[in-house]
Amino acid sequence: MGEDGAQAPEKRSTNTDFAKVRRGLGARWFAWLLSHGERFDRDLYGRRKRDLLGGLTGTVVEIGPGAGVNLPYYGSGVCWVGVEPNVHFHDRLRRKAAVLGVEAEVLGGVAERLPLEDASADAVVSTLVLCSVDDVRAALAEVRRVLKSGGVFVFLEHVAAPEGSGLRRVQEAVRPAWGLLADGCRPDRETGRLIEAAGFGDVHIERFDAAMPLPVVRPHVVGTARR
């Protein structure tokens, strides 16, 4: 139980589809790569992440937390649960949470089948994750399922460039190779539209551009959606 009285969500009684949990040399390499990119992430997104995550309270479930770059932005008293498919991140996440004094639990699992009970989270967080899940609609349905009534989904994601633009054509052309290099990332995914169509209430989305060295992963959206 957290300092503010928040209780960690119960795990689901059914088994997660661990066939999709990532392990092996490729997953290990990607874990190493992201673990050395925190400064880059902070420079690009730090201000927006402070605004997005700093006010969250209670039980916060983060989908695909990776190397834990978001952990420094959470306020005190949060009970944090990370659902991470890449097993090579798990020990890193636990160590980082302990150093930061964050009450944390790390679970293996995928966004399309979160290993948590219905209505067990006050907030769900996704940052630069929905580009790489296999089924975004299923993942968003899971977000709605685990959120309490009135709970909030907060997100920051890179999305497809406008249809017909030169950048969109580049994103579509490089998608197969990019996915192999970037752990399944799809740069031409219409994530903002999928969130708007997922059945949330009170959806707020802001579009912005980040100074990415590789323009294939721009533009971005940031926002919130209520259960």
C-alpha atoms as a PDB file:
ATOM      1  CA  MET A   1       0.000   0.000   0.000  1.00  0.00           C
ATOM      2  CA  GLY A   2       1.326   3.427  -0.937  1.00  0.00           C
ATOM      3  CA  GLU A   3       1.857   6.422   1.338  1.00  0.00           C
ATOM      4  CA  ASP A   4      -1.435   7.931   0.179  1.00  0.00           C
ATOM      5  CA  GLY A   5      -3.349   4.722   0.916  1.00  0.00           C
ATOM      6  CA  ALA A   6      -3.379   3.484  -2.681  1.00  0.00           C
ATOM      7  CA  GLN A   7      -3.411  -0.287  -2.908  1.00  0.00           C
ATOM      8  CA  ALA A   8      -1.614  -2.172  -5.640  1.00  0.00           C
ATOM      9  CA  PRO A   9      -4.042  -3.702  -8.145  1.00  0.00           C
ATOM     10  CA  GLU A  10      -4.696  -7.411  -7.932  1.00  0.00           C
ATOM     11  CA  LYS A  11      -3.362  -9.600 -10.676  1.00  0.00           C
ATOM     12  CA  ARG A  12      -5.807 -11.335 -12.961  1.00  0.00           C
ATOM     13  CA  SER A  13      -6.570 -14.933 -12.122  1.00  0.00           C
ATOM     14  CA  THR A  14      -6.083 -15.989 -15.757  1.00  0.00           C
ATOM     15  CA  ASN A  15      -2.652 -16.412 -17.308  1.00  0.00           C
ATOM     16  CA  THR A  16      -1.086 -13.728 -19.474  1.00  0.00           C
ATOM     17  CA  ASP A  17      -0.128 -14.684 -23.015  1.00  0.00           C
ATOM     18  CA  PHE A  18       3.572 -15.040 -22.270  1.00  0.00           C
ATOM     19  CA  ALA A  19       4.243 -16.288 -25.803  1.00  0.00           C
ATOM     20  CA  LYS A  20       4.471 -12.609 -26.744  1.00  0.00           C
ATOM     21  CA  VAL A  21       6.748 -11.642 -23.875  1.00  0.00           C
ATOM     22  CA  ARG A  22      10.096 -10.690 -25.388  1.00  0.00           C
ATOM     23  CA  ARG A  23      13.389 -12.323 -24.518  1.00  0.00           C
ATOM     24  CA  GLY A  24      16.572 -13.371 -26.294  1.00  0.00           C
ATOM     25  CA  LEU A  25      19.477 -11.490 -27.882  1.00  0.00           C
ATOM     26  CA  GLY A  26      17.355  -9.009 -29.835  1.00  0.00           C
ATOM     27  CA  ALA A  27      15.333  -8.073 -26.791  1.00  0.00           C
ATOM     28  CA  ARG A  28      18.506  -7.872 -24.700  1.00  0.00           C
ATOM     29  CA  TRP A  29      20.147  -5.517 -27.230  1.00  0.00           C
ATOM     30  CA  PHE A  30      17.075  -3.265 -27.319  1.00  0.00           C
ATOM     31  CA  ALA A  31      17.029  -3.141 -23.511  1.00  0.00           C
ATOM     32  CA  TRP A  32      20.681  -2.069 -23.486  1.00  0.00           C
ATOM     33  CA  LEU A  33      20.031   0.586 -26.139  1.00  0.00           C
ATOM     34  CA  LEU A  34      17.083   2.204 -24.351  1.00  0.00           C
ATOM     35  CA  SER A  35      18.870   2.043 -21.024  1.00  0.00           C
ATOM     36  CA  HIS A  36      21.460   4.452 -22.449  1.00  0.00           C
ATOM     37  CA  GLY A  37      18.979   6.921 -23.914  1.00  0.00           C
ATOM     38  CA  GLU A  38      17.551   8.644 -20.825  1.00  0.00           C
ATOM     39  CA  ARG A  39      19.278  11.982 -21.372  1.00  0.00           C
ATOM     40  CA  PHE A  40      18.052  12.104 -24.968  1.00  0.00           C
ATOM     41  CA  ASP A  41      14.502  11.316 -23.827  1.00  0.00           C
ATOM     42  CA  ARG A  42      14.667  13.959 -21.082  1.00  0.00           C
ATOM     43  CA  ASP A  43      15.880  16.643 -23.501  1.00  0.00           C
ATOM     44  CA  LEU A  44      13.105  15.883 -25.998  1.00  0.00           C
ATOM     45  CA  TYR A  45      10.138  15.206 -23.721  1.00  0.00           C
ATOM     46  CA  GLY A  46      11.070  16.155 -20.151  1.00  0.00           C
ATOM     47  CA  ARG A  47       8.857  19.235 -19.807  1.00  0.00           C
ATOM     48  CA  ARG A  48       5.825  17.534 -21.296  1.00  0.00           C
ATOM     49  CA  LYS A  49       6.332  14.419 -19.169  1.00  0.00           C
ATOM     50  CA  ARG A  50       6.554  16.476 -15.977  1.00  0.00           C
ATOM     51  CA  ASP A  51       3.214  18.093 -16.832  1.00  0.00           C
ATOM     52  CA  LEU A  52       1.656  14.789 -17.889  1.00  0.00           C
ATOM     53  CA  LEU A  53       2.830  12.506 -15.084  1.00  0.00           C
ATOM     54  CA  GLY A  54       3.634  14.702 -12.104  1.00  0.00           C
ATOM     55  CA  GLY A  55       0.046  15.109 -10.935  1.00  0.00           C
ATOM     56  CA  LEU A  56      -0.977  11.445 -11.082  1.00  0.00           C
ATOM     57  CA  THR A  57      -1.991   9.799  -7.812  1.00  0.00           C
ATOM     58  CA  GLY A  58      -2.955   6.384  -6.490  1.00  0.00           C
ATOM     59  CA  THR A  59      -2.294   3.227  -8.482  1.00  0.00           C
ATOM     60  CA  VAL A  60      -0.567   4.038 -11.765  1.00  0.00           C
ATOM     61  CA  VAL A  61      -0.090   1.304 -14.374  1.00  0.00           C
ATOM     62  CA  GLU A  62       2.530   2.006 -17.022  1.00  0.00           C
ATOM     63  CA  ILE A  63       2.471  -0.010 -20.241  1.00  0.00           C
ATOM     64  CA  GLY A  64       5.889  -0.863 -21.622  1.00  0.00           C
ATOM     65  CA  PRO A  65       8.003   1.246 -19.252  1.00  0.00           C
ATOM     66  CA  GLY A  66      11.221  -0.005 -20.850  1.00  0.00           C
ATOM     67  CA  ALA A  67      14.256   1.291 -18.965  1.00  0.00           C
ATOM     68  CA  GLY A  68      12.115   3.383 -16.612  1.00  0.00           C
ATOM     69  CA  VAL A  69      12.720   6.825 -18.116  1.00  0.00           C
ATOM     70  CA  ASN A  70       9.360   7.995 -16.733  1.00  0.00           C
ATOM     71  CA  LEU A  71       9.979   6.988 -13.129  1.00  0.00           C
ATOM     72  CA  PRO A  72      11.603  10.306 -12.071  1.00  0.00           C
ATOM     73  CA  TYR A  73       8.494  12.272 -13.111  1.00  0.00           C
ATOM     74  CA  TYR A  74       5.961  10.613 -10.778  1.00  0.00           C
ATOM     75  CA  GLY A  75       4.916  12.301  -7.557  1.00  0.00           C
ATOM     76  CA  SER A  76       5.450  10.873  -4.087  1.00  0.00           C
ATOM     77  CA  GLY A  77       2.953   8.304  -2.856  1.00  0.00           C
ATOM     78  CA  VAL A  78       2.225   6.792  -6.266  1.00  0.00           C
ATOM     79  CA  CYS A  79       1.877   3.010  -6.294  1.00  0.00           C
ATOM     80  CA  TRP A  80       3.467   2.171  -9.648  1.00  0.00           C
ATOM     81  CA  VAL A  81       2.924  -1.022 -11.637  1.00  0.00           C
ATOM     82  CA  GLY A  82       4.960  -1.565 -14.787  1.00  0.00           C
ATOM     83  CA  VAL A  83       3.784  -4.119 -17.352  1.00  0.00           C
ATOM     84  CA  GLU A  84       6.829  -4.806 -19.523  1.00  0.00           C
ATOM     85  CA  PRO A  85       7.065  -7.503 -22.225  1.00  0.00           C
ATOM     86  CA  ASN A  86      10.873  -7.362 -22.473  1.00  0.00           C
ATOM     87  CA  VAL A  87      12.148  -9.421 -19.551  1.00  0.00           C
ATOM     88  CA  HIS A  88      15.620  -7.871 -19.841  1.00  0.00           C
ATOM     89  CA  PHE A  89      14.239  -4.595 -18.485  1.00  0.00           C
ATOM     90  CA  HIS A  90      12.716  -6.074 -15.331  1.00  0.00           C
ATOM     91  CA  ASP A  91      15.679  -5.981 -12.979  1.00  0.00           C
ATOM     92  CA  ARG A  92      16.683  -2.528 -14.256  1.00  0.00           C
ATOM     93  CA  LEU A  93      13.205  -1.230 -13.492  1.00  0.00           C
ATOM     94  CA  ARG A  94      13.202  -2.651  -9.975  1.00  0.00           C
ATOM     95  CA  ARG A  95      16.628  -1.194  -9.209  1.00  0.00           C
ATOM     96  CA  LYS A  96      15.748   2.234 -10.573  1.00  0.00           C
ATOM     97  CA  ALA A  97      12.456   2.400  -8.689  1.00  0.00           C
ATOM     98  CA  ALA A  98      14.271   1.468  -5.475  1.00  0.00           C
ATOM     99  CA  VAL A  99      16.878   4.208  -5.984  1.00  0.00           C
ATOM    100  CA  LEU A 100      14.125   6.780  -6.597  1.00  0.00           C
ATOM    101  CA  GLY A 101      12.032   5.594  -3.651  1.00  0.00           C
ATOM    102  CA  VAL A 102       9.078   4.653  -5.857  1.00  0.00           C
ATOM    103  CA  GLU A 103       6.836   1.854  -4.586  1.00  0.00           C
ATOM    104  CA  ALA A 104       6.890  -0.429  -7.598  1.00  0.00           C
ATOM    105  CA  GLU A 105       5.843  -3.784  -8.988  1.00  0.00           C
ATOM    106  CA  VAL A 106       7.110  -5.072 -12.326  1.00  0.00           C
ATOM    107  CA  LEU A 107       5.028  -7.627 -14.231  1.00  0.00           C
ATOM    108  CA  GLY A 108       5.721  -9.493 -17.439  1.00  0.00           C
ATOM    109  CA  GLY A 109       2.930  -9.043 -19.923  1.00  0.00           C
ATOM    110  CA  VAL A 110       1.670  -7.395 -23.083  1.00  0.00           C
ATOM    111  CA  ALA A 111      -0.564  -4.383 -23.587  1.00  0.00           C
ATOM    112  CA  GLU A 112      -3.235  -6.445 -25.324  1.00  0.00           C
ATOM    113  CA  ARG A 113      -3.692  -8.626 -22.233  1.00  0.00           C
ATOM    114  CA  LEU A 114      -2.775  -6.763 -19.074  1.00  0.00           C
ATOM    115  CA  PRO A 115      -2.293  -9.086 -16.064  1.00  0.00           C
ATOM    116  CA  LEU A 116      -4.513  -6.934 -13.816  1.00  0.00           C
ATOM    117  CA  GLU A 117      -8.063  -7.035 -12.519  1.00  0.00           C
ATOM    118  CA  ASP A 118     -10.903  -4.915 -13.884  1.00  0.00           C
ATOM    119  CA  ALA A 119     -11.196  -1.354 -12.527  1.00  0.00           C
ATOM    120  CA  SER A 120      -7.967  -1.627 -10.521  1.00  0.00           C
ATOM    121  CA  ALA A 121      -5.996   1.436 -11.692  1.00  0.00           C
ATOM    122  CA  ASP A 122      -6.415   5.155 -11.079  1.00  0.00           C
ATOM    123  CA  ALA A 123      -4.298   5.955 -14.130  1.00  0.00           C
ATOM    124  CA  VAL A 124      -2.702   4.157 -17.066  1.00  0.00           C
ATOM    125  CA  VAL A 125       0.363   5.601 -18.811  1.00  0.00           C
ATOM    126  CA  SER A 126       1.678   4.974 -22.319  1.00  0.00           C
ATOM    127  CA  THR A 127       4.636   6.910 -23.726  1.00  0.00           C
ATOM    128  CA  LEU A 128       6.148   5.927 -27.078  1.00  0.00           C
ATOM    129  CA  VAL A 129       4.684   2.442 -26.746  1.00  0.00           C
ATOM    130  CA  LEU A 130       1.532   2.117 -28.869  1.00  0.00           C
ATOM    131  CA  CYS A 131       3.600   2.350 -32.054  1.00  0.00           C
ATOM    132  CA  SER A 132       4.958  -1.139 -31.361  1.00  0.00           C
ATOM    133  CA  VAL A 133       2.091  -3.164 -29.894  1.00  0.00           C
ATOM    134  CA  ASP A 134       0.607  -5.795 -32.184  1.00  0.00           C
ATOM    135  CA  ASP A 135      -3.035  -4.728 -31.765  1.00  0.00           C
ATOM    136  CA  VAL A 136      -3.669  -1.124 -30.666  1.00  0.00           C
ATOM    137  CA  ARG A 137      -7.444  -1.526 -30.436  1.00  0.00           C
ATOM    138  CA  ALA A 138      -7.071  -4.494 -28.100  1.00  0.00           C
ATOM    139  CA  ALA A 139      -4.502  -2.598 -26.009  1.00  0.00           C
ATOM    140  CA  LEU A 140      -6.807   0.415 -25.648  1.00  0.00           C
ATOM    141  CA  ALA A 141      -9.692  -1.866 -24.694  1.00  0.00           C
ATOM    142  CA  GLU A 142      -7.451  -3.280 -21.952  1.00  0.00           C
ATOM    143  CA  VAL A 143      -6.623   0.239 -20.758  1.00  0.00           C
ATOM    144  CA  ARG A 144     -10.345   0.976 -20.410  1.00  0.00           C
ATOM    145  CA  ARG A 145     -10.926  -2.337 -18.647  1.00  0.00           C
ATOM    146  CA  VAL A 146      -8.326  -1.837 -15.918  1.00  0.00           C
ATOM    147  CA  LEU A 147      -9.142   1.831 -15.277  1.00  0.00           C
ATOM    148  CA  LYS A 148     -11.494   2.714 -12.457  1.00  0.00           C
ATOM    149  CA  SER A 149     -14.540   4.808 -13.328  1.00  0.00           C
ATOM    150  CA  GLY A 150     -13.218   8.335 -13.722  1.00  0.00           C
ATOM    151  CA  GLY A 151      -9.650   7.075 -14.088  1.00  0.00           C
ATOM    152  CA  VAL A 152      -7.352   8.691 -16.639  1.00  0.00           C
ATOM    153  CA  PHE A 153      -5.304   7.365 -19.535  1.00  0.00           C
ATOM    154  CA  VAL A 154      -2.323   9.622 -20.254  1.00  0.00           C
ATOM    155  CA  PHE A 155      -0.242   9.232 -23.379  1.00  0.00           C
ATOM    156  CA  LEU A 156       2.601  10.675 -25.438  1.00  0.00           C
ATOM    157  CA  GLU A 157       3.123   8.933 -28.770  1.00  0.00           C
ATOM    158  CA  HIS A 158       4.652   9.550 -32.178  1.00  0.00           C
ATOM    159  CA  VAL A 159       2.090   9.161 -34.957  1.00  0.00           C
ATOM    160  CA  ALA A 160       1.709   9.023 -38.718  1.00  0.00           C
ATOM    161  CA  ALA A 161       2.358  12.155 -40.752  1.00  0.00           C
ATOM    162  CA  PRO A 162      -0.644  13.589 -42.655  1.00  0.00           C
ATOM    163  CA  GLU A 163      -1.916  11.438 -45.508  1.00  0.00           C
ATOM    164  CA  GLY A 164      -0.454  12.388 -48.871  1.00  0.00           C
ATOM    165  CA  SER A 165       2.597  14.097 -47.376  1.00  0.00           C
ATOM    166  CA  GLY A 166       6.131  13.202 -48.368  1.00  0.00           C
ATOM    167  CA  LEU A 167       6.927  12.154 -44.817  1.00  0.00           C
ATOM    168  CA  ARG A 168       3.936   9.799 -44.746  1.00  0.00           C
ATOM    169  CA  ARG A 169       5.179   8.106 -47.907  1.00  0.00           C
ATOM    170  CA  VAL A 170       8.605   7.699 -46.329  1.00  0.00           C
ATOM    171  CA  GLN A 171       7.058   6.235 -43.159  1.00  0.00           C
ATOM    172  CA  GLU A 172       5.107   3.704 -45.188  1.00  0.00           C
ATOM    173  CA  ALA A 173       8.146   2.781 -47.281  1.00  0.00           C
ATOM    174  CA  VAL A 174      10.500   2.185 -44.354  1.00  0.00           C
ATOM    175  CA  ARG A 175       7.965   0.514 -42.053  1.00  0.00           C
ATOM    176  CA  PRO A 176       9.138  -3.119 -42.550  1.00  0.00           C
ATOM    177  CA  ALA A 177      12.838  -2.384 -42.027  1.00  0.00           C
ATOM    178  CA  TRP A 178      12.164   0.121 -39.258  1.00  0.00           C
ATOM    179  CA  GLY A 179      10.091  -2.423 -37.375  1.00  0.00           C
ATOM    180  CA  LEU A 180      12.980  -4.882 -37.405  1.00  0.00           C
ATOM    181  CA  LEU A 181      15.420  -2.273 -36.106  1.00  0.00           C
ATOM    182  CA  ALA A 182      13.117  -0.637 -33.558  1.00  0.00           C
ATOM    183  CA  ASP A 183      11.407  -3.527 -31.781  1.00  0.00           C
ATOM    184  CA  GLY A 184       8.294  -3.597 -33.946  1.00  0.00           C
ATOM    185  CA  CYS A 185       7.727   0.172 -34.180  1.00  0.00           C
ATOM    186  CA  ARG A 186       5.301   1.257 -36.923  1.00  0.00           C
ATOM    187  CA  PRO A 187       6.000   4.907 -37.807  1.00  0.00           C
ATOM    188  CA  ASP A 188       2.829   5.294 -39.909  1.00  0.00           C
ATOM    189  CA  ARG A 189       0.351   4.286 -37.194  1.00  0.00           C
ATOM    190  CA  GLU A 190      -2.706   6.551 -36.683  1.00  0.00           C
ATOM    191  CA  THR A 191      -2.523   6.307 -32.898  1.00  0.00           C
ATOM    192  CA  GLY A 192      -4.326   9.568 -32.125  1.00  0.00           C
ATOM    193  CA  ARG A 193      -7.347   8.564 -34.196  1.00  0.00           C
ATOM    194  CA  LEU A 194      -7.401   5.126 -32.602  1.00  0.00           C
ATOM    195  CA  ILE A 195      -7.477   6.669 -29.116  1.00  0.00           C
ATOM    196  CA  GLU A 196     -10.324   8.978 -30.128  1.00  0.00           C
ATOM    197  CA  ALA A 197     -12.304   5.977 -31.420  1.00  0.00           C
ATOM    198  CA  ALA A 198     -11.647   3.707 -28.427  1.00  0.00           C
ATOM    199  CA  GLY A 199     -14.701   4.676 -26.365  1.00  0.00           C
ATOM    200  CA  PHE A 200     -13.081   6.963 -23.790  1.00  0.00           C
ATOM    201  CA  GLY A 201     -14.846  10.049 -22.502  1.00  0.00           C
ATOM    202  CA  ASP A 202     -13.391  13.561 -22.348  1.00  0.00           C
ATOM    203  CA  VAL A 203     -10.486  12.992 -24.741  1.00  0.00           C
ATOM    204  CA  HIS A 204      -7.939  15.819 -25.061  1.00  0.00           C
ATOM    205  CA  ILE A 205      -5.175  15.496 -27.685  1.00  0.00           C
ATOM    206  CA  GLU A 206      -2.477  18.028 -28.565  1.00  0.00           C
ATOM    207  CA  ARG A 207      -0.318  17.561 -31.628  1.00  0.00           C
ATOM    208  CA  PHE A 208       3.319  18.697 -31.518  1.00  0.00           C
ATOM    209  CA  ASP A 209       6.657  18.252 -33.222  1.00  0.00           C
ATOM    210  CA  ALA A 210       9.807  17.202 -31.406  1.00  0.00           C
ATOM    211  CA  ALA A 211      13.297  17.881 -32.723  1.00  0.00           C
ATOM    212  CA  MET A 212      13.911  14.266 -33.652  1.00  0.00           C
ATOM    213  CA  PRO A 213      17.178  13.495 -35.459  1.00  0.00           C
ATOM    214  CA  LEU A 214      15.186  10.939 -37.493  1.00  0.00           C
ATOM    215  CA  PRO A 215      12.013  12.616 -38.816  1.00  0.00           C
ATOM    216  CA  VAL A 216      10.401   9.258 -39.574  1.00  0.00           C
ATOM    217  CA  VAL A 217       9.175   9.190 -35.936  1.00  0.00           C
ATOM    218  CA  ARG A 218       7.287  12.482 -35.984  1.00  0.00           C
ATOM    219  CA  PRO A 219       4.866  14.209 -35.465  1.00  0.00           C
ATOM    220  CA  HIS A 220       3.662  13.456 -31.918  1.00  0.00           C
ATOM    221  CA  VAL A 221       0.493  13.575 -29.861  1.00  0.00           C
ATOM    222  CA  VAL A 222       0.152  14.089 -26.113  1.00  0.00           C
ATOM    223  CA  GLY A 223      -3.020  14.042 -24.074  1.00  0.00           C
ATOM    224  CA  THR A 224      -5.479  12.462 -21.682  1.00  0.00           C
ATOM    225  CA  ALA A 225      -8.645  10.367 -21.921  1.00  0.00           C
ATOM    226  CA  ARG A 226     -11.097   9.583 -19.117  1.00  0.00           C
ATOM    227  CA  ARG A 227     -12.773   6.249 -18.407  1.00  0.00           C
END
